[in-house]
Amino acid sequence: VIGAGATVLGPVVVGRNSKIGSGSVVVKDVPEN
């Protein structure tokens, strides 16, 4: 689930069952869960 206004940049991997908070900027891999 990726919240409103969030940005995920580059060939990163967002692991399963994860949540990205609204307005966040993700530039590194996110572990599962």
ModelCIF file with pLDDT and N, C-alpha, C, O atoms, coordinates in Angstrom:
data_MODEL
#
_entry.id   MODEL 
#
_entity.id                         1 
_entity.type                       polymer 
_entity.pdbx_number_of_molecules   1 
#
_entity_poly.entity_id                      1 
_entity_poly.type                           'polypeptide(L)' 
_entity_poly.nstd_linkage                   no 
_entity_poly.nstd_monomer                   no 
_entity_poly.pdbx_seq_one_letter_code       VIGAGATVLGPVVVGRNSKIGSGSVVVKDVPEN 
_entity_poly.pdbx_seq_one_letter_code_can   VIGAGATVLGPVVVGRNSKIGSGSVVVKDVPEN 
_entity_poly.pdbx_strand_id                 A 
#
loop_
_entity_poly_seq.entity_id 
_entity_poly_seq.num 
_entity_poly_seq.mon_id 
_entity_poly_seq.hetero 
1 1  VAL n 
1 2  ILE n 
1 3  GLY n 
1 4  ALA n 
1 5  GLY n 
1 6  ALA n 
1 7  THR n 
1 8  VAL n 
1 9  LEU n 
1 10 GLY n 
1 11 PRO n 
1 12 VAL n 
1 13 VAL n 
1 14 VAL n 
1 15 GLY n 
1 16 ARG n 
1 17 ASN n 
1 18 SER n 
1 19 LYS n 
1 20 ILE n 
1 21 GLY n 
1 22 SER n 
1 23 GLY n 
1 24 SER n 
1 25 VAL n 
1 26 VAL n 
1 27 VAL n 
1 28 LYS n 
1 29 ASP n 
1 30 VAL n 
1 31 PRO n 
1 32 GLU n 
1 33 ASN n 
#
_struct_asym.id          A 
_struct_asym.entity_id   1 
#
loop_
_ma_qa_metric.id 
_ma_qa_metric.mode 
_ma_qa_metric.name 
_ma_qa_metric.software_group_id 
_ma_qa_metric.type 
1 global pLDDT . pLDDT 
2 local  pLDDT . pLDDT 
#
_ma_qa_metric_global.metric_id      1 
_ma_qa_metric_global.metric_value   91.91 
_ma_qa_metric_global.model_id       1 
_ma_qa_metric_global.ordinal_id     1 
#
loop_
_ma_qa_metric_local.label_asym_id 
_ma_qa_metric_local.label_comp_id 
_ma_qa_metric_local.label_seq_id 
_ma_qa_metric_local.metric_id 
_ma_qa_metric_local.metric_value 
_ma_qa_metric_local.model_id 
_ma_qa_metric_local.ordinal_id 
A VAL 1  2 93.00 1 1  
A ILE 2  2 93.00 1 2  
A GLY 3  2 90.00 1 3  
A ALA 4  2 91.00 1 4  
A GLY 5  2 91.00 1 5  
A ALA 6  2 93.00 1 6  
A THR 7  2 94.00 1 7  
A VAL 8  2 95.00 1 8  
A LEU 9  2 94.00 1 9  
A GLY 10 2 90.00 1 10 
A PRO 11 2 93.00 1 11 
A VAL 12 2 93.00 1 12 
A VAL 13 2 94.00 1 13 
A VAL 14 2 94.00 1 14 
A GLY 15 2 92.00 1 15 
A ARG 16 2 92.00 1 16 
A ASN 17 2 93.00 1 17 
A SER 18 2 92.00 1 18 
A LYS 19 2 92.00 1 19 
A ILE 20 2 92.00 1 20 
A GLY 21 2 89.00 1 21 
A SER 22 2 88.00 1 22 
A GLY 23 2 88.00 1 23 
A SER 24 2 90.00 1 24 
A VAL 25 2 93.00 1 25 
A VAL 26 2 93.00 1 26 
A VAL 27 2 92.00 1 27 
A LYS 28 2 91.00 1 28 
A ASP 29 2 92.00 1 29 
A VAL 30 2 92.00 1 30 
A PRO 31 2 92.00 1 31 
A GLU 32 2 91.00 1 32 
A ASN 33 2 91.00 1 33 
#
loop_
_atom_site.group_PDB 
_atom_site.id 
_atom_site.type_symbol 
_atom_site.label_atom_id 
_atom_site.label_alt_id 
_atom_site.label_comp_id 
_atom_site.label_asym_id 
_atom_site.label_entity_id 
_atom_site.label_seq_id 
_atom_site.pdbx_PDB_ins_code 
_atom_site.Cartn_x 
_atom_site.Cartn_y 
_atom_site.Cartn_z 
_atom_site.occupancy 
_atom_site.B_iso_or_equiv 
_atom_site.pdbx_formal_charge 
_atom_site.auth_seq_id 
_atom_site.auth_comp_id 
_atom_site.auth_asym_id 
_atom_site.auth_atom_id 
_atom_site.pdbx_PDB_model_num 
ATOM 1   N N  . VAL A 1 1  ? 0.860  -1.188 0.000  1.00 93.00 ? 1  VAL A N  1 
ATOM 2   C CA . VAL A 1 1  ? 0.000  0.000  0.000  1.00 93.00 ? 1  VAL A CA 1 
ATOM 3   C C  . VAL A 1 1  ? 0.893  1.235  0.000  1.00 93.00 ? 1  VAL A C  1 
ATOM 4   O O  . VAL A 1 1  ? 1.759  1.385  0.862  1.00 93.00 ? 1  VAL A O  1 
ATOM 5   N N  . ILE A 1 2  ? 0.676  2.120  -0.976 1.00 93.00 ? 2  ILE A N  1 
ATOM 6   C CA . ILE A 1 2  ? 1.469  3.345  -1.082 1.00 93.00 ? 2  ILE A CA 1 
ATOM 7   C C  . ILE A 1 2  ? 0.534  4.540  -0.918 1.00 93.00 ? 2  ILE A C  1 
ATOM 8   O O  . ILE A 1 2  ? -0.398 4.722  -1.702 1.00 93.00 ? 2  ILE A O  1 
ATOM 9   N N  . GLY A 1 3  ? 0.787  5.350  0.102  1.00 90.00 ? 3  GLY A N  1 
ATOM 10  C CA . GLY A 1 3  ? -0.098 6.452  0.452  1.00 90.00 ? 3  GLY A CA 1 
ATOM 11  C C  . GLY A 1 3  ? -0.025 7.631  -0.495 1.00 90.00 ? 3  GLY A C  1 
ATOM 12  O O  . GLY A 1 3  ? 0.868  7.720  -1.338 1.00 90.00 ? 3  GLY A O  1 
ATOM 13  N N  . ALA A 1 4  ? -0.978 8.534  -0.340 1.00 91.00 ? 4  ALA A N  1 
ATOM 14  C CA . ALA A 1 4  ? -1.131 9.679  -1.236 1.00 91.00 ? 4  ALA A CA 1 
ATOM 15  C C  . ALA A 1 4  ? 0.126  10.548 -1.268 1.00 91.00 ? 4  ALA A C  1 
ATOM 16  O O  . ALA A 1 4  ? 0.697  10.879 -0.229 1.00 91.00 ? 4  ALA A O  1 
ATOM 17  N N  . GLY A 1 5  ? 0.544  10.912 -2.487 1.00 91.00 ? 5  GLY A N  1 
ATOM 18  C CA . GLY A 1 5  ? 1.669  11.820 -2.656 1.00 91.00 ? 5  GLY A CA 1 
ATOM 19  C C  . GLY A 1 5  ? 3.030  11.202 -2.452 1.00 91.00 ? 5  GLY A C  1 
ATOM 20  O O  . GLY A 1 5  ? 4.032  11.915 -2.510 1.00 91.00 ? 5  GLY A O  1 
ATOM 21  N N  . ALA A 1 6  ? 3.112  9.905  -2.214 1.00 93.00 ? 6  ALA A N  1 
ATOM 22  C CA . ALA A 1 6  ? 4.415  9.252  -2.010 1.00 93.00 ? 6  ALA A CA 1 
ATOM 23  C C  . ALA A 1 6  ? 5.153  9.113  -3.340 1.00 93.00 ? 6  ALA A C  1 
ATOM 24  O O  . ALA A 1 6  ? 4.536  9.022  -4.402 1.00 93.00 ? 6  ALA A O  1 
ATOM 25  N N  . THR A 1 7  ? 6.488  9.098  -3.261 1.00 94.00 ? 7  THR A N  1 
ATOM 26  C CA . THR A 1 7  ? 7.334  8.962  -4.441 1.00 94.00 ? 7  THR A CA 1 
ATOM 27  C C  . THR A 1 7  ? 8.338  7.843  -4.223 1.00 94.00 ? 7  THR A C  1 
ATOM 28  O O  . THR A 1 7  ? 9.028  7.807  -3.204 1.00 94.00 ? 7  THR A O  1 
ATOM 29  N N  . VAL A 1 8  ? 8.416  6.932  -5.183 1.00 95.00 ? 8  VAL A N  1 
ATOM 30  C CA . VAL A 1 8  ? 9.391  5.848  -5.140 1.00 95.00 ? 8  VAL A CA 1 
ATOM 31  C C  . VAL A 1 8  ? 10.268 5.993  -6.377 1.00 95.00 ? 8  VAL A C  1 
ATOM 32  O O  . VAL A 1 8  ? 9.771  5.924  -7.501 1.00 95.00 ? 8  VAL A O  1 
ATOM 33  N N  . LEU A 1 9  ? 11.570 6.194  -6.180 1.00 94.00 ? 9  LEU A N  1 
ATOM 34  C CA . LEU A 1 9  ? 12.468 6.536  -7.274 1.00 94.00 ? 9  LEU A CA 1 
ATOM 35  C C  . LEU A 1 9  ? 13.538 5.466  -7.483 1.00 94.00 ? 9  LEU A C  1 
ATOM 36  O O  . LEU A 1 9  ? 14.121 4.945  -6.533 1.00 94.00 ? 9  LEU A O  1 
ATOM 37  N N  . GLY A 1 10 ? 13.774 5.158  -8.756 1.00 90.00 ? 10 GLY A N  1 
ATOM 38  C CA . GLY A 1 10 ? 14.865 4.256  -9.112 1.00 90.00 ? 10 GLY A CA 1 
ATOM 39  C C  . GLY A 1 10 ? 14.459 2.797  -9.097 1.00 90.00 ? 10 GLY A C  1 
ATOM 40  O O  . GLY A 1 10 ? 13.316 2.469  -8.776 1.00 90.00 ? 10 GLY A O  1 
ATOM 41  N N  . PRO A 1 11 ? 15.396 1.910  -9.444 1.00 93.00 ? 11 PRO A N  1 
ATOM 42  C CA . PRO A 1 11 ? 15.112 0.472  -9.512 1.00 93.00 ? 11 PRO A CA 1 
ATOM 43  C C  . PRO A 1 11 ? 15.114 -0.199 -8.147 1.00 93.00 ? 11 PRO A C  1 
ATOM 44  O O  . PRO A 1 11 ? 15.723 -1.254 -7.966 1.00 93.00 ? 11 PRO A O  1 
ATOM 45  N N  . VAL A 1 12 ? 14.442 0.404  -7.206 1.00 93.00 ? 12 VAL A N  1 
ATOM 46  C CA . VAL A 1 12 ? 14.372 -0.154 -5.852 1.00 93.00 ? 12 VAL A CA 1 
ATOM 47  C C  . VAL A 1 12 ? 13.276 -1.209 -5.796 1.00 93.00 ? 12 VAL A C  1 
ATOM 48  O O  . VAL A 1 12 ? 12.405 -1.265 -6.664 1.00 93.00 ? 12 VAL A O  1 
ATOM 49  N N  . VAL A 1 13 ? 13.331 -2.034 -4.773 1.00 94.00 ? 13 VAL A N  1 
ATOM 50  C CA . VAL A 1 13 ? 12.327 -3.076 -4.560 1.00 94.00 ? 13 VAL A CA 1 
ATOM 51  C C  . VAL A 1 13 ? 11.579 -2.785 -3.269 1.00 94.00 ? 13 VAL A C  1 
ATOM 52  O O  . VAL A 1 13 ? 12.184 -2.665 -2.204 1.00 94.00 ? 13 VAL A O  1 
ATOM 53  N N  . VAL A 1 14 ? 10.269 -2.673 -3.368 1.00 94.00 ? 14 VAL A N  1 
ATOM 54  C CA . VAL A 1 14 ? 9.422  -2.514 -2.187 1.00 94.00 ? 14 VAL A CA 1 
ATOM 55  C C  . VAL A 1 14 ? 8.856  -3.890 -1.857 1.00 94.00 ? 14 VAL A C  1 
ATOM 56  O O  . VAL A 1 14 ? 8.020  -4.414 -2.593 1.00 94.00 ? 14 VAL A O  1 
ATOM 57  N N  . GLY A 1 15 ? 9.310  -4.472 -0.752 1.00 92.00 ? 15 GLY A N  1 
ATOM 58  C CA . GLY A 1 15 ? 8.944  -5.837 -0.398 1.00 92.00 ? 15 GLY A CA 1 
ATOM 59  C C  . GLY A 1 15 ? 7.469  -6.017 -0.114 1.00 92.00 ? 15 GLY A C  1 
ATOM 60  O O  . GLY A 1 15 ? 6.771  -5.069 0.245  1.00 92.00 ? 15 GLY A O  1 
ATOM 61  N N  . ARG A 1 16 ? 7.009  -7.222 -0.273 1.00 92.00 ? 16 ARG A N  1 
ATOM 62  C CA . ARG A 1 16 ? 5.589  -7.529 -0.096 1.00 92.00 ? 16 ARG A CA 1 
ATOM 63  C C  . ARG A 1 16 ? 5.097  -7.196 1.309  1.00 92.00 ? 16 ARG A C  1 
ATOM 64  O O  . ARG A 1 16 ? 5.849  -7.225 2.283  1.00 92.00 ? 16 ARG A O  1 
ATOM 65  N N  . ASN A 1 17 ? 3.807  -6.879 1.374  1.00 93.00 ? 17 ASN A N  1 
ATOM 66  C CA . ASN A 1 17 ? 3.115  -6.553 2.634  1.00 93.00 ? 17 ASN A CA 1 
ATOM 67  C C  . ASN A 1 17 ? 3.617  -5.270 3.284  1.00 93.00 ? 17 ASN A C  1 
ATOM 68  O O  . ASN A 1 17 ? 3.352  -5.039 4.464  1.00 93.00 ? 17 ASN A O  1 
ATOM 69  N N  . SER A 1 18 ? 4.331  -4.438 2.546  1.00 92.00 ? 18 SER A N  1 
ATOM 70  C CA . SER A 1 18 ? 4.859  -3.201 3.123  1.00 92.00 ? 18 SER A CA 1 
ATOM 71  C C  . SER A 1 18 ? 3.905  -2.033 2.901  1.00 92.00 ? 18 SER A C  1 
ATOM 72  O O  . SER A 1 18 ? 3.004  -2.090 2.065  1.00 92.00 ? 18 SER A O  1 
ATOM 73  N N  . LYS A 1 19 ? 4.129  -0.970 3.676  1.00 92.00 ? 19 LYS A N  1 
ATOM 74  C CA . LYS A 1 19 ? 3.341  0.264  3.547  1.00 92.00 ? 19 LYS A CA 1 
ATOM 75  C C  . LYS A 1 19 ? 4.288  1.445  3.383  1.00 92.00 ? 19 LYS A C  1 
ATOM 76  O O  . LYS A 1 19 ? 5.304  1.543  4.071  1.00 92.00 ? 19 LYS A O  1 
ATOM 77  N N  . ILE A 1 20 ? 3.947  2.330  2.472  1.00 92.00 ? 20 ILE A N  1 
ATOM 78  C CA . ILE A 1 20 ? 4.694  3.571  2.278  1.00 92.00 ? 20 ILE A CA 1 
ATOM 79  C C  . ILE A 1 20 ? 3.778  4.711  2.707  1.00 92.00 ? 20 ILE A C  1 
ATOM 80  O O  . ILE A 1 20 ? 2.700  4.889  2.140  1.00 92.00 ? 20 ILE A O  1 
ATOM 81  N N  . GLY A 1 21 ? 4.197  5.474  3.694  1.00 89.00 ? 21 GLY A N  1 
ATOM 82  C CA . GLY A 1 21 ? 3.362  6.551  4.216  1.00 89.00 ? 21 GLY A CA 1 
ATOM 83  C C  . GLY A 1 21 ? 3.168  7.681  3.222  1.00 89.00 ? 21 GLY A C  1 
ATOM 84  O O  . GLY A 1 21 ? 3.997  7.887  2.335  1.00 89.00 ? 21 GLY A O  1 
ATOM 85  N N  . SER A 1 22 ? 2.078  8.406  3.371  1.00 88.00 ? 22 SER A N  1 
ATOM 86  C CA . SER A 1 22 ? 1.762  9.539  2.497  1.00 88.00 ? 22 SER A CA 1 
ATOM 87  C C  . SER A 1 22 ? 2.883  10.569 2.513  1.00 88.00 ? 22 SER A C  1 
ATOM 88  O O  . SER A 1 22 ? 3.385  10.936 3.576  1.00 88.00 ? 22 SER A O  1 
ATOM 89  N N  . GLY A 1 23 ? 3.275  11.037 1.317  1.00 88.00 ? 23 GLY A N  1 
ATOM 90  C CA . GLY A 1 23 ? 4.294  12.063 1.212  1.00 88.00 ? 23 GLY A CA 1 
ATOM 91  C C  . GLY A 1 23 ? 5.721  11.589 1.360  1.00 88.00 ? 23 GLY A C  1 
ATOM 92  O O  . GLY A 1 23 ? 6.645  12.399 1.287  1.00 88.00 ? 23 GLY A O  1 
ATOM 93  N N  . SER A 1 24 ? 5.927  10.308 1.563  1.00 90.00 ? 24 SER A N  1 
ATOM 94  C CA . SER A 1 24 ? 7.288  9.782  1.736  1.00 90.00 ? 24 SER A CA 1 
ATOM 95  C C  . SER A 1 24 ? 8.024  9.731  0.398  1.00 90.00 ? 24 SER A C  1 
ATOM 96  O O  . SER A 1 24 ? 7.406  9.680  -0.665 1.00 90.00 ? 24 SER A O  1 
ATOM 97  N N  . VAL A 1 25 ? 9.350  9.746  0.472  1.00 93.00 ? 25 VAL A N  1 
ATOM 98  C CA . VAL A 1 25 ? 10.198 9.615  -0.720 1.00 93.00 ? 25 VAL A CA 1 
ATOM 99  C C  . VAL A 1 25 ? 11.121 8.427  -0.494 1.00 93.00 ? 25 VAL A C  1 
ATOM 100 O O  . VAL A 1 25 ? 11.994 8.465  0.373  1.00 93.00 ? 25 VAL A O  1 
ATOM 101 N N  . VAL A 1 26 ? 10.925 7.378  -1.272 1.00 93.00 ? 26 VAL A N  1 
ATOM 102 C CA . VAL A 1 26 ? 11.688 6.137  -1.106 1.00 93.00 ? 26 VAL A CA 1 
ATOM 103 C C  . VAL A 1 26 ? 12.759 6.061  -2.188 1.00 93.00 ? 26 VAL A C  1 
ATOM 104 O O  . VAL A 1 26 ? 12.451 6.136  -3.378 1.00 93.00 ? 26 VAL A O  1 
ATOM 105 N N  . VAL A 1 27 ? 14.015 5.914  -1.777 1.00 92.00 ? 27 VAL A N  1 
ATOM 106 C CA . VAL A 1 27 ? 15.131 5.821  -2.725 1.00 92.00 ? 27 VAL A CA 1 
ATOM 107 C C  . VAL A 1 27 ? 15.991 4.590  -2.458 1.00 92.00 ? 27 VAL A C  1 
ATOM 108 O O  . VAL A 1 27 ? 17.001 4.380  -3.130 1.00 92.00 ? 27 VAL A O  1 
ATOM 109 N N  . LYS A 1 28 ? 15.592 3.765  -1.468 1.00 91.00 ? 28 LYS A N  1 
ATOM 110 C CA . LYS A 1 28 ? 16.324 2.538  -1.153 1.00 91.00 ? 28 LYS A CA 1 
ATOM 111 C C  . LYS A 1 28 ? 15.338 1.384  -1.046 1.00 91.00 ? 28 LYS A C  1 
ATOM 112 O O  . LYS A 1 28 ? 14.140 1.590  -0.853 1.00 91.00 ? 28 LYS A O  1 
ATOM 113 N N  . ASP A 1 29 ? 15.858 0.162  -1.174 1.00 92.00 ? 29 ASP A N  1 
ATOM 114 C CA . ASP A 1 29 ? 15.014 -1.023 -1.067 1.00 92.00 ? 29 ASP A CA 1 
ATOM 115 C C  . ASP A 1 29 ? 14.299 -1.057 0.275  1.00 92.00 ? 29 ASP A C  1 
ATOM 116 O O  . ASP A 1 29 ? 14.838 -0.638 1.300  1.00 92.00 ? 29 ASP A O  1 
ATOM 117 N N  . VAL A 1 30 ? 13.075 -1.564 0.242  1.00 92.00 ? 30 VAL A N  1 
ATOM 118 C CA . VAL A 1 30 ? 12.266 -1.698 1.453  1.00 92.00 ? 30 VAL A CA 1 
ATOM 119 C C  . VAL A 1 30 ? 12.088 -3.184 1.745  1.00 92.00 ? 30 VAL A C  1 
ATOM 120 O O  . VAL A 1 30 ? 11.590 -3.912 0.887  1.00 92.00 ? 30 VAL A O  1 
ATOM 121 N N  . PRO A 1 31 ? 12.479 -3.660 2.932  1.00 92.00 ? 31 PRO A N  1 
ATOM 122 C CA . PRO A 1 31 ? 12.292 -5.081 3.264  1.00 92.00 ? 31 PRO A CA 1 
ATOM 123 C C  . PRO A 1 31 ? 10.813 -5.459 3.283  1.00 92.00 ? 31 PRO A C  1 
ATOM 124 O O  . PRO A 1 31 ? 9.943  -4.597 3.406  1.00 92.00 ? 31 PRO A O  1 
ATOM 125 N N  . GLU A 1 32 ? 10.546 -6.737 3.163  1.00 91.00 ? 32 GLU A N  1 
ATOM 126 C CA . GLU A 1 32 ? 9.172  -7.211 3.277  1.00 91.00 ? 32 GLU A CA 1 
ATOM 127 C C  . GLU A 1 32 ? 8.597  -6.876 4.656  1.00 91.00 ? 32 GLU A C  1 
ATOM 128 O O  . GLU A 1 32 ? 9.322  -6.763 5.645  1.00 91.00 ? 32 GLU A O  1 
ATOM 129 N N  . ASN A 1 33 ? 7.264  -6.721 4.688  1.00 91.00 ? 33 ASN A N  1 
ATOM 130 C CA . ASN A 1 33 ? 6.538  -6.527 5.956  1.00 91.00 ? 33 ASN A CA 1 
ATOM 131 C C  . ASN A 1 33 ? 7.006  -5.299 6.727  1.00 91.00 ? 33 ASN A C  1 
ATOM 132 O O  . ASN A 1 33 ? 6.488  -5.012 7.806  1.00 91.00 ? 33 ASN A O  1 
#
